[in-house]
């Protein structure tokens, strides 16, 4: 509950002007005034994700692929990834840990283990950025998205507040993206000319994402990739990503991170199923009305099977490689 109170106090109230009746936070008031939000944040799946992250960083398990049925009903949370929330909770818990004898805190915000969150949903999410940045100065956020879904006007070298586009934050809380998080790598893609091809996406990862990971040297990589990309660019979805290309991308990320990765294919749901009201935030309504329908299309059965098969092959390749190395060593000796 302390974590929820901190995120509400640091993010939802001051940055988005949401949950304003929780300035004096209490669990009962949250459940009474904002039942949708309470249901979203108290989903037990978040604890499972946190436990998985904890076990990977401790070395108990190598990596993980998560398939969870998690959807949010509070309108602003349509932009929130369960993986971003779990990563923020993990860092929050570490900040509470203390040495047994002295009681001295084990970590500060800038000494936490290095974590990278790769948001490859195709749309911009300022909420993921703010939730992760609220608990750590040692988190790298890489976001690859359609430039029409929102985000700052980063083409300008010197950007003032008025040049921020489609941002759900309060105007007074908008600032240059590098001031939000110096480890933030935003990659908006122009999809106006027949979308972005699989080859072009690979080039983006090779030239920007992989290099960013190598410089930051994370101890853990969290990946939110919903696998709703099409084999060919269509009007329904602006990105094309072949499963073989995804396998190459995922393998390189795993290789850089020494296979310490958590992958969660989280796909947003259709607005009409959960959001039956307009919000008071113009930019949030733009996301719900214009962006969400495009990115909440049902999974294609054939595509999801190919993506998952390619992902599992990459994950298991670590163990195959290790077994080959061990066998070679025994043979040599």
Protein backbone atom coordinates (compact mmCIF):
# COMPACT_ATOMS: atom_id res chain seq x y z
CA UNK A 1 0.00 0.00 0.00
CA UNK A 2 2.95 2.35 0.63
CA UNK A 3 4.02 1.96 -2.97
CA UNK A 4 0.56 2.87 -4.30
CA UNK A 5 0.48 5.89 -1.99
CA UNK A 6 3.86 7.04 -3.30
CA UNK A 7 2.91 6.66 -6.98
CA UNK A 8 -0.35 8.51 -6.36
CA UNK A 9 1.46 11.32 -4.53
CA UNK A 10 4.35 11.62 -6.99
CA UNK A 11 2.67 10.92 -10.31
CA UNK A 12 -1.12 10.79 -10.53
CA UNK A 13 -2.03 13.85 -8.45
CA UNK A 14 0.72 16.38 -9.28
CA UNK A 15 1.48 15.39 -12.88
CA UNK A 16 -1.96 14.37 -14.21
CA UNK A 17 -4.40 15.96 -11.76
CA UNK A 18 -5.98 12.56 -11.17
CA UNK A 19 -7.09 10.95 -7.86
CA UNK A 20 -7.12 14.38 -6.21
CA UNK A 21 -9.31 13.14 -3.34
CA UNK A 22 -6.45 10.86 -2.23
CA UNK A 23 -4.11 13.63 -1.07
CA UNK A 24 -4.48 12.08 2.38
CA UNK A 25 -4.09 8.52 1.17
CA UNK A 26 -6.01 5.62 2.67
CA UNK A 27 -6.84 2.22 1.23
CA UNK A 28 -10.52 2.45 2.17
CA UNK A 29 -10.88 5.85 0.55
CA UNK A 30 -9.14 4.65 -2.60
CA UNK A 31 -11.51 1.68 -2.89
CA UNK A 32 -14.51 3.90 -2.17
CA UNK A 33 -13.70 6.92 -4.36
CA UNK A 34 -11.75 5.22 -7.14
CA UNK A 35 -12.73 1.53 -7.33
CA UNK A 36 -11.43 1.14 -10.90
CA UNK A 37 -8.01 2.44 -9.95
CA UNK A 38 -7.92 0.29 -6.80
CA UNK A 39 -8.78 -2.80 -8.83
CA UNK A 40 -6.06 -1.98 -11.37
CA UNK A 41 -3.25 -1.46 -8.87
CA UNK A 42 -4.20 -4.26 -6.49
CA UNK A 43 -4.19 -6.94 -9.17
CA UNK A 44 -2.20 -9.91 -7.72
CA UNK A 45 -0.48 -10.41 -11.08
CA UNK A 46 1.74 -7.44 -10.27
CA UNK A 47 3.15 -9.28 -7.27
CA UNK A 48 3.88 -12.28 -9.50
CA UNK A 49 5.76 -10.04 -11.94
CA UNK A 50 7.70 -8.45 -9.07
CA UNK A 51 8.62 -11.88 -7.76
CA UNK A 52 9.84 -12.91 -11.20
CA UNK A 53 12.01 -9.79 -11.51
CA UNK A 54 13.38 -10.41 -8.02
CA UNK A 55 14.32 -14.02 -8.77
CA UNK A 56 16.06 -13.10 -12.03
CA UNK A 57 18.14 -10.35 -10.41
CA UNK A 58 19.04 -12.73 -7.57
CA UNK A 59 20.13 -15.35 -10.11
CA UNK A 60 17.56 -17.93 -9.01
CA UNK A 61 16.21 -18.17 -12.55
CA UNK A 62 17.69 -17.01 -15.84
CA UNK A 63 14.85 -15.15 -17.54
CA UNK A 64 11.10 -15.22 -18.10
CA UNK A 65 8.31 -14.91 -20.63
CA UNK A 66 5.00 -13.90 -19.03
CA UNK A 67 1.55 -14.55 -20.42
CA UNK A 68 -0.96 -12.84 -18.15
CA UNK A 69 -4.49 -11.62 -18.61
CA UNK A 70 -4.17 -8.10 -17.21
CA UNK A 71 -6.37 -5.21 -18.30
CA UNK A 72 -7.02 -1.85 -16.66
CA UNK A 73 -10.31 0.00 -16.24
CA UNK A 74 -9.17 3.40 -14.91
CA UNK A 75 -8.95 5.56 -18.10
CA UNK A 76 -5.44 6.94 -17.60
CA UNK A 77 -4.15 3.43 -16.92
CA UNK A 78 -4.87 2.51 -20.54
CA UNK A 79 -1.37 3.91 -21.08
CA UNK A 80 0.20 1.89 -18.26
CA UNK A 81 2.15 -1.33 -18.74
CA UNK A 82 1.98 -3.94 -15.96
CA UNK A 83 5.71 -4.50 -16.51
CA UNK A 84 6.53 -0.83 -15.94
CA UNK A 85 4.45 -0.88 -12.77
CA UNK A 86 6.15 -4.07 -11.53
CA UNK A 87 9.59 -2.64 -12.31
CA UNK A 88 8.81 0.50 -10.34
CA UNK A 89 7.52 -1.58 -7.42
CA UNK A 90 10.69 -3.67 -7.48
CA UNK A 91 12.84 -0.54 -7.17
CA UNK A 92 10.58 0.83 -4.44
CA UNK A 93 11.03 -2.35 -2.39
CA UNK A 94 14.81 -2.18 -2.76
CA UNK A 95 14.78 1.40 -1.47
CA UNK A 96 13.07 0.15 1.72
CA UNK A 97 15.68 -2.57 2.36
CA UNK A 98 18.12 -1.90 5.20
CA UNK A 99 21.28 -3.52 6.57
CA UNK A 100 20.58 -5.88 9.45
CA UNK A 101 22.99 -4.43 12.01
CA UNK A 102 23.04 -0.70 11.33
CA UNK A 103 19.63 -0.13 9.80
CA UNK A 104 21.32 1.85 7.05
CA UNK A 105 19.53 1.75 3.72
CA UNK A 106 21.07 -0.63 1.19
CA UNK A 107 20.24 1.53 -1.81
CA UNK A 108 19.65 5.09 -2.87
CA UNK A 109 17.81 6.10 -6.01
CA UNK A 110 21.07 6.49 -7.92
CA UNK A 111 22.65 3.25 -6.65
CA UNK A 112 19.82 0.87 -7.50
CA UNK A 113 20.62 -1.94 -9.96
CA UNK A 114 20.56 -0.71 -13.54
CA UNK A 115 17.28 -1.60 -15.23
CA UNK A 116 16.17 -1.01 -18.82
CA UNK A 117 12.54 -0.93 -19.86
CA UNK A 118 11.91 -1.32 -23.60
CA UNK A 119 8.42 -0.22 -24.61
CA UNK A 120 7.77 -1.61 -28.09
CA UNK A 121 3.99 -1.25 -28.12
CA UNK A 122 3.96 1.18 -31.03
CA UNK A 123 2.39 4.07 -29.08
CA UNK A 124 3.81 6.72 -26.76
CA UNK A 125 3.23 6.33 -23.01
CA UNK A 126 4.24 9.19 -20.74
CA UNK A 127 2.68 7.29 -17.82
CA UNK A 128 5.14 4.40 -18.15
CA UNK A 129 7.97 6.94 -18.12
CA UNK A 130 6.68 8.74 -15.03
CA UNK A 131 5.85 5.60 -13.03
CA UNK A 132 9.29 4.06 -13.60
CA UNK A 133 11.15 7.34 -13.02
CA UNK A 134 9.27 7.91 -9.74
CA UNK A 135 11.29 5.27 -7.86
CA UNK A 136 14.70 5.17 -9.53
CA UNK A 137 17.36 7.38 -11.12
CA UNK A 138 19.04 4.26 -12.48
CA UNK A 139 16.39 3.17 -14.98
CA UNK A 140 16.76 3.46 -18.74
CA UNK A 141 13.57 3.75 -20.77
CA UNK A 142 13.57 3.04 -24.50
CA UNK A 143 10.31 3.74 -26.33
CA UNK A 144 9.71 2.92 -30.01
CA UNK A 145 6.41 4.33 -31.25
CA UNK A 146 4.35 5.86 -34.02
CA UNK A 147 5.02 9.61 -33.87
CA UNK A 148 1.31 10.30 -34.42
CA UNK A 149 0.39 8.71 -31.06
CA UNK A 150 1.92 11.50 -28.97
CA UNK A 151 5.17 12.49 -27.37
CA UNK A 152 7.42 15.55 -27.38
CA UNK A 153 8.61 17.39 -30.48
CA UNK A 154 12.12 16.03 -30.13
CA UNK A 155 13.12 17.15 -33.62
CA UNK A 156 13.78 20.56 -32.08
CA UNK A 157 17.12 20.90 -30.34
CA UNK A 158 15.72 23.43 -27.90
CA UNK A 159 12.17 22.56 -27.01
CA UNK A 160 9.92 24.68 -24.81
CA UNK A 161 6.79 23.52 -23.06
CA UNK A 162 4.41 24.69 -25.79
CA UNK A 163 5.98 22.32 -28.30
CA UNK A 164 4.94 19.17 -26.45
CA UNK A 165 2.35 17.27 -28.47
CA UNK A 166 -0.46 14.98 -27.27
CA UNK A 167 0.86 14.75 -23.72
CA UNK A 168 -1.64 13.86 -20.99
CA UNK A 169 0.40 15.61 -18.29
CA UNK A 170 -0.78 18.91 -16.89
CA UNK A 171 0.61 21.75 -19.06
CA UNK A 172 2.47 23.15 -16.05
CA UNK A 173 4.22 19.81 -15.50
CA UNK A 174 5.42 19.31 -19.06
CA UNK A 175 9.14 19.73 -19.56
CA UNK A 176 11.95 18.66 -21.83
CA UNK A 177 12.03 14.87 -21.97
CA UNK A 178 15.69 14.74 -20.88
CA UNK A 179 14.74 16.51 -17.65
CA UNK A 180 12.13 13.84 -16.95
CA UNK A 181 14.74 11.09 -17.19
CA UNK A 182 18.30 11.59 -18.54
CA UNK A 183 18.35 7.89 -19.51
CA UNK A 184 15.26 8.24 -21.70
CA UNK A 185 15.58 7.22 -25.34
CA UNK A 186 12.52 8.16 -27.38
CA UNK A 187 12.31 6.83 -30.93
CA UNK A 188 9.26 8.25 -32.73
CA UNK A 189 8.79 6.77 -36.20
CA UNK A 190 7.10 8.37 -39.17
CA UNK A 191 4.45 5.91 -40.33
CA UNK A 192 2.63 8.26 -42.73
CA UNK A 193 4.19 6.72 -45.84
CA UNK A 194 2.75 3.17 -45.86
CA UNK A 195 4.02 2.34 -42.37
CA UNK A 196 7.37 1.00 -41.20
CA UNK A 197 8.75 -2.22 -42.63
CA UNK A 198 10.37 -5.10 -40.78
CA UNK A 199 13.77 -4.18 -42.23
CA UNK A 200 13.41 -0.57 -41.12
CA UNK A 201 12.49 -1.66 -37.61
CA UNK A 202 15.56 -3.86 -37.42
CA UNK A 203 17.73 -0.92 -38.51
CA UNK A 204 16.21 1.19 -35.72
CA UNK A 205 17.14 -1.43 -33.15
CA UNK A 206 20.61 -1.96 -34.59
CA UNK A 207 21.51 1.71 -34.82
CA UNK A 208 19.81 3.06 -31.70
CA UNK A 209 18.46 0.47 -29.26
CA UNK A 210 21.38 -1.95 -29.19
CA UNK A 211 23.89 0.89 -28.89
CA UNK A 212 21.88 2.46 -26.08
CA UNK A 213 21.82 -0.84 -24.19
CA UNK A 214 25.55 -1.34 -24.60
CA UNK A 215 26.28 2.13 -23.22
CA UNK A 216 23.91 1.79 -20.26
CA UNK A 217 24.90 -1.81 -19.40
CA UNK A 218 21.69 -2.84 -17.61
CA UNK A 219 21.60 -5.67 -15.10
CA UNK A 220 18.04 -6.48 -16.18
CA UNK A 221 15.94 -5.71 -19.26
CA UNK A 222 12.14 -5.56 -19.18
CA UNK A 223 10.44 -5.76 -22.59
CA UNK A 224 6.84 -4.89 -23.34
CA UNK A 225 6.13 -6.13 -26.86
CA UNK A 226 2.49 -7.05 -27.55
CA UNK A 227 3.12 -9.12 -30.73
CA UNK A 228 0.25 -7.47 -32.59
CA UNK A 229 2.47 -6.42 -35.48
CA UNK A 230 1.40 -7.48 -38.93
CA UNK A 231 3.43 -9.44 -41.41
CA UNK A 232 2.81 -6.59 -43.84
CA UNK A 233 1.98 -2.96 -43.10
CA UNK A 234 -1.76 -2.32 -43.24
CA UNK A 235 -4.09 0.54 -42.41
CA UNK A 236 -5.00 -1.24 -39.17
CA UNK A 237 -1.45 -1.31 -37.86
CA UNK A 238 1.46 0.92 -38.90
CA UNK A 239 4.32 -1.52 -38.22
CA UNK A 240 5.38 -4.70 -39.95
CA UNK A 241 7.59 -7.11 -38.04
CA UNK A 242 8.39 -10.59 -39.28
CA UNK A 243 8.88 -13.25 -36.63
CA UNK A 244 12.40 -14.00 -37.90
CA UNK A 245 13.30 -10.32 -37.58
CA UNK A 246 11.87 -10.25 -34.07
CA UNK A 247 13.98 -13.31 -33.18
CA UNK A 248 17.14 -11.49 -34.31
CA UNK A 249 16.17 -8.40 -32.32
CA UNK A 250 15.29 -10.37 -29.19
CA UNK A 251 18.42 -12.52 -29.36
CA UNK A 252 20.68 -9.44 -29.58
CA UNK A 253 18.94 -7.86 -26.59
CA UNK A 254 19.35 -11.09 -24.63
CA UNK A 255 22.99 -11.32 -25.62
CA UNK A 256 23.72 -7.76 -24.47
CA UNK A 257 21.87 -8.33 -21.19
CA UNK A 258 23.42 -11.78 -20.58
CA UNK A 259 19.90 -13.21 -21.02
CA UNK A 260 18.60 -11.43 -17.90
CA UNK A 261 15.32 -10.40 -19.50
CA UNK A 262 11.61 -10.40 -18.72
CA UNK A 263 9.20 -10.26 -21.65
CA UNK A 264 5.50 -9.47 -21.28
CA UNK A 265 3.32 -9.21 -24.40
CA UNK A 266 0.79 -6.72 -22.96
CA UNK A 267 -1.85 -5.57 -25.46
CA UNK A 268 -4.37 -2.85 -24.71
CA UNK A 269 -8.09 -3.62 -24.90
CA UNK A 270 -10.86 -1.88 -26.82
CA UNK A 271 -12.21 1.25 -25.20
CA UNK A 272 -15.87 0.30 -25.50
CA UNK A 273 -15.29 -2.77 -23.34
CA UNK A 274 -14.15 -0.79 -20.31
CA UNK A 275 -14.11 2.98 -20.86
CA UNK A 276 -17.70 4.15 -21.06
CA UNK A 277 -17.05 7.79 -20.20
CA UNK A 278 -15.07 10.75 -21.43
CA UNK A 279 -12.20 11.99 -19.31
CA UNK A 280 -11.49 15.63 -18.55
CA UNK A 281 -8.10 15.36 -20.25
CA UNK A 282 -8.14 16.31 -23.92
CA UNK A 283 -4.96 14.44 -24.75
CA UNK A 284 -6.06 11.32 -22.91
CA UNK A 285 -9.32 11.39 -24.87
CA UNK A 286 -7.28 11.65 -28.06
CA UNK A 287 -5.42 8.49 -27.06
CA UNK A 288 -8.59 6.63 -26.11
CA UNK A 289 -10.54 7.71 -29.21
CA UNK A 290 -7.89 7.72 -31.93
CA UNK A 291 -4.92 5.61 -30.82
CA UNK A 292 -6.46 2.84 -28.76
CA UNK A 293 -8.71 1.43 -31.53
CA UNK A 294 -5.71 0.93 -33.79
CA UNK A 295 -3.57 -0.82 -31.18
CA UNK A 296 -6.31 -2.93 -29.56
CA UNK A 297 -6.99 -5.09 -32.60
CA UNK A 298 -7.34 -8.80 -31.74
CA UNK A 299 -4.26 -10.95 -32.04
CA UNK A 300 -3.82 -12.89 -35.23
CA UNK A 301 -3.53 -16.55 -34.20
CA UNK A 302 -0.91 -17.43 -36.79
CA UNK A 303 1.22 -14.38 -36.03
CA UNK A 304 1.18 -14.84 -32.25
CA UNK A 305 2.19 -18.49 -32.62
CA UNK A 306 5.14 -17.55 -34.82
CA UNK A 307 6.29 -14.77 -32.46
CA UNK A 308 6.02 -17.00 -29.40
CA UNK A 309 7.85 -19.88 -31.09
CA UNK A 310 10.67 -17.53 -32.13
CA UNK A 311 10.84 -16.07 -28.61
CA UNK A 312 11.04 -19.46 -26.93
CA UNK A 313 13.76 -20.57 -29.33
CA UNK A 314 15.85 -17.53 -28.37
CA UNK A 315 15.28 -17.96 -24.63
CA UNK A 316 16.25 -21.65 -24.75
CA UNK A 317 19.30 -20.94 -26.93
CA UNK A 318 21.13 -19.71 -23.82
CA UNK A 319 20.88 -23.15 -22.28
CA UNK A 320 21.82 -24.82 -25.56
CA UNK A 321 24.92 -22.63 -25.87
CA UNK A 322 25.88 -23.29 -22.24
CA UNK A 323 25.49 -27.05 -22.73
CA UNK A 324 27.64 -26.94 -25.87
CA UNK A 325 30.32 -24.98 -24.00
CA UNK A 326 30.28 -27.42 -21.08
CA UNK A 327 30.44 -30.42 -23.43
CA UNK A 328 33.32 -28.85 -25.36
CA UNK A 329 35.19 -28.19 -22.12
CA UNK A 330 34.73 -31.77 -20.93
CA UNK A 331 35.83 -33.13 -24.31
CA UNK A 332 38.90 -30.91 -24.32
CA UNK A 333 39.91 -31.97 -20.82
